[in-house]
Amino acid sequence: MPTLPAGEPKRGRDACQGYVDRACACAETVAAAKPRCADAHALADAIQVGAEVATNADSTRRDAVQSNAAIRGVVKECIEQLAKLPASGCP
């Protein structure tokens, strides 16, 4: 079964958790950032679900490959959204 390189899943989870932390901290002071906090949690959850599907023994090779690709896409989104926070008035 194809897997992500060692360390990549943890780095991805850490990147998205960083986005969650900063987006939700910002939402406490900037009302317009509240939806970003909810979205950030959804992205972090998507990584967990993707990892579960990719490592499930019942998943097909195709499912694992697609889940790994989805995880990378979610991590990319977390990093891009984190970079956009300052433009929203967030530190």
C-alpha atoms as a PDB file:
ATOM      1  CA  MET A   1       0.000   0.000   0.000  1.00  0.00           C
ATOM      2  CA  PRO A   2       1.470   3.401  -0.912  1.00  0.00           C
ATOM      3  CA  THR A   3       2.228   5.626   2.052  1.00  0.00           C
ATOM      4  CA  LEU A   4       3.494   9.137   2.526  1.00  0.00           C
ATOM      5  CA  PRO A   5       7.203   9.492   3.289  1.00  0.00           C
ATOM      6  CA  ALA A   6       8.124   9.200   6.965  1.00  0.00           C
ATOM      7  CA  GLY A   7       7.523  12.445   8.822  1.00  0.00           C
ATOM      8  CA  GLU A   8       5.313  14.036   6.175  1.00  0.00           C
ATOM      9  CA  PRO A   9       2.003  13.275   7.914  1.00  0.00           C
ATOM     10  CA  LYS A  10       3.253  14.773  11.194  1.00  0.00           C
ATOM     11  CA  ARG A  11       4.595  17.883   9.462  1.00  0.00           C
ATOM     12  CA  GLY A  12       1.263  18.269   7.696  1.00  0.00           C
ATOM     13  CA  ARG A  13      -0.736  17.895  10.907  1.00  0.00           C
ATOM     14  CA  ASP A  14       1.591  20.381  12.622  1.00  0.00           C
ATOM     15  CA  ALA A  15       1.166  22.899   9.791  1.00  0.00           C
ATOM     16  CA  CYS A  16      -2.605  22.658   9.933  1.00  0.00           C
ATOM     17  CA  GLN A  17      -2.641  22.792  13.724  1.00  0.00           C
ATOM     18  CA  GLY A  18      -0.589  25.984  13.500  1.00  0.00           C
ATOM     19  CA  TYR A  19      -3.211  27.422  11.183  1.00  0.00           C
ATOM     20  CA  VAL A  20      -6.009  26.338  13.542  1.00  0.00           C
ATOM     21  CA  ASP A  21      -4.262  27.940  16.502  1.00  0.00           C
ATOM     22  CA  ARG A  22      -3.602  31.257  14.775  1.00  0.00           C
ATOM     23  CA  ALA A  23      -6.974  31.470  13.011  1.00  0.00           C
ATOM     24  CA  CYS A  24      -8.911  30.737  16.189  1.00  0.00           C
ATOM     25  CA  ALA A  25      -6.796  33.131  18.259  1.00  0.00           C
ATOM     26  CA  CYS A  26      -7.512  35.799  15.680  1.00  0.00           C
ATOM     27  CA  ALA A  27     -11.235  34.992  15.729  1.00  0.00           C
ATOM     28  CA  GLU A  28     -11.327  35.990  19.393  1.00  0.00           C
ATOM     29  CA  THR A  29     -10.467  39.592  18.476  1.00  0.00           C
ATOM     30  CA  VAL A  30     -11.484  39.950  14.815  1.00  0.00           C
ATOM     31  CA  ALA A  31     -15.133  39.067  14.223  1.00  0.00           C
ATOM     32  CA  ALA A  32     -14.628  38.584  10.476  1.00  0.00           C
ATOM     33  CA  ALA A  33     -12.147  35.799  11.218  1.00  0.00           C
ATOM     34  CA  LYS A  34     -14.664  33.535  13.001  1.00  0.00           C
ATOM     35  CA  PRO A  35     -15.490  31.537   9.844  1.00  0.00           C
ATOM     36  CA  ARG A  36     -11.762  30.950   9.295  1.00  0.00           C
ATOM     37  CA  CYS A  37     -11.547  29.236  12.690  1.00  0.00           C
ATOM     38  CA  ALA A  38     -14.338  26.801  11.807  1.00  0.00           C
ATOM     39  CA  ASP A  39     -12.813  26.152   8.392  1.00  0.00           C
ATOM     40  CA  ALA A  40      -9.407  25.560   9.948  1.00  0.00           C
ATOM     41  CA  HIS A  41     -10.811  22.842  12.194  1.00  0.00           C
ATOM     42  CA  ALA A  42     -12.403  21.180   9.166  1.00  0.00           C
ATOM     43  CA  LEU A  43      -9.051  21.128   7.368  1.00  0.00           C
ATOM     44  CA  ALA A  44      -7.327  19.538  10.350  1.00  0.00           C
ATOM     45  CA  ASP A  45     -10.088  16.920  10.543  1.00  0.00           C
ATOM     46  CA  ALA A  46      -9.716  16.188   6.825  1.00  0.00           C
ATOM     47  CA  ILE A  47      -6.073  15.251   7.341  1.00  0.00           C
ATOM     48  CA  GLN A  48      -7.035  12.794  10.061  1.00  0.00           C
ATOM     49  CA  VAL A  49      -9.733  11.173   7.931  1.00  0.00           C
ATOM     50  CA  GLY A  50      -7.416  10.961   4.929  1.00  0.00           C
ATOM     51  CA  ALA A  51      -4.719   9.315   7.026  1.00  0.00           C
ATOM     52  CA  GLU A  52      -7.197   6.771   8.376  1.00  0.00           C
ATOM     53  CA  VAL A  53      -8.368   5.856   4.891  1.00  0.00           C
ATOM     54  CA  ALA A  54      -4.819   5.686   3.511  1.00  0.00           C
ATOM     55  CA  THR A  55      -3.647   3.322   6.249  1.00  0.00           C
ATOM     56  CA  ASN A  56      -6.763   1.167   6.513  1.00  0.00           C
ATOM     57  CA  ALA A  57      -6.085  -2.426   5.533  1.00  0.00           C
ATOM     58  CA  ASP A  58      -9.468  -2.567   3.763  1.00  0.00           C
ATOM     59  CA  SER A  59      -8.667   0.408   1.520  1.00  0.00           C
ATOM     60  CA  THR A  60      -7.760  -0.265  -2.067  1.00  0.00           C
ATOM     61  CA  ARG A  61      -4.509   0.993  -3.548  1.00  0.00           C
ATOM     62  CA  ARG A  62      -6.480   3.626  -5.435  1.00  0.00           C
ATOM     63  CA  ASP A  63      -8.151   4.820  -2.207  1.00  0.00           C
ATOM     64  CA  ALA A  64      -4.757   5.084  -0.497  1.00  0.00           C
ATOM     65  CA  VAL A  65      -3.207   7.034  -3.378  1.00  0.00           C
ATOM     66  CA  GLN A  66      -6.179   9.411  -3.553  1.00  0.00           C
ATOM     67  CA  SER A  67      -6.181   9.886   0.220  1.00  0.00           C
ATOM     68  CA  ASN A  68      -2.484  10.698   0.233  1.00  0.00           C
ATOM     69  CA  ALA A  69      -3.005  13.219  -2.554  1.00  0.00           C
ATOM     70  CA  ALA A  70      -5.925  14.731  -0.641  1.00  0.00           C
ATOM     71  CA  ILE A  71      -3.796  15.044   2.492  1.00  0.00           C
ATOM     72  CA  ARG A  72      -1.144  16.940   0.542  1.00  0.00           C
ATOM     73  CA  GLY A  73      -3.821  19.214  -0.903  1.00  0.00           C
ATOM     74  CA  VAL A  74      -5.218  19.970   2.544  1.00  0.00           C
ATOM     75  CA  VAL A  75      -1.758  20.738   3.924  1.00  0.00           C
ATOM     76  CA  LYS A  76      -1.167  23.090   0.995  1.00  0.00           C
ATOM     77  CA  GLU A  77      -4.459  24.826   1.780  1.00  0.00           C
ATOM     78  CA  CYS A  78      -3.508  25.197   5.458  1.00  0.00           C
ATOM     79  CA  ILE A  79      -0.201  26.820   4.548  1.00  0.00           C
ATOM     80  CA  GLU A  80      -1.808  29.159   2.013  1.00  0.00           C
ATOM     81  CA  GLN A  81      -4.562  30.179   4.425  1.00  0.00           C
ATOM     82  CA  LEU A  82      -2.024  30.784   7.184  1.00  0.00           C
ATOM     83  CA  ALA A  83      -0.144  33.139   4.864  1.00  0.00           C
ATOM     84  CA  LYS A  84      -3.387  35.075   4.205  1.00  0.00           C
ATOM     85  CA  LEU A  85      -4.165  35.705   7.900  1.00  0.00           C
ATOM     86  CA  PRO A  86      -2.200  38.979   8.177  1.00  0.00           C
ATOM     87  CA  ALA A  87      -4.261  40.471   5.340  1.00  0.00           C
ATOM     88  CA  SER A  88      -7.376  39.758   7.428  1.00  0.00           C
ATOM     89  CA  GLY A  89      -6.090  41.865  10.284  1.00  0.00           C
ATOM     90  CA  CYS A  90      -4.660  38.934  12.201  1.00  0.00           C
ATOM     91  CA  PRO A  91      -1.171  39.053  13.684  1.00  0.00           C
END
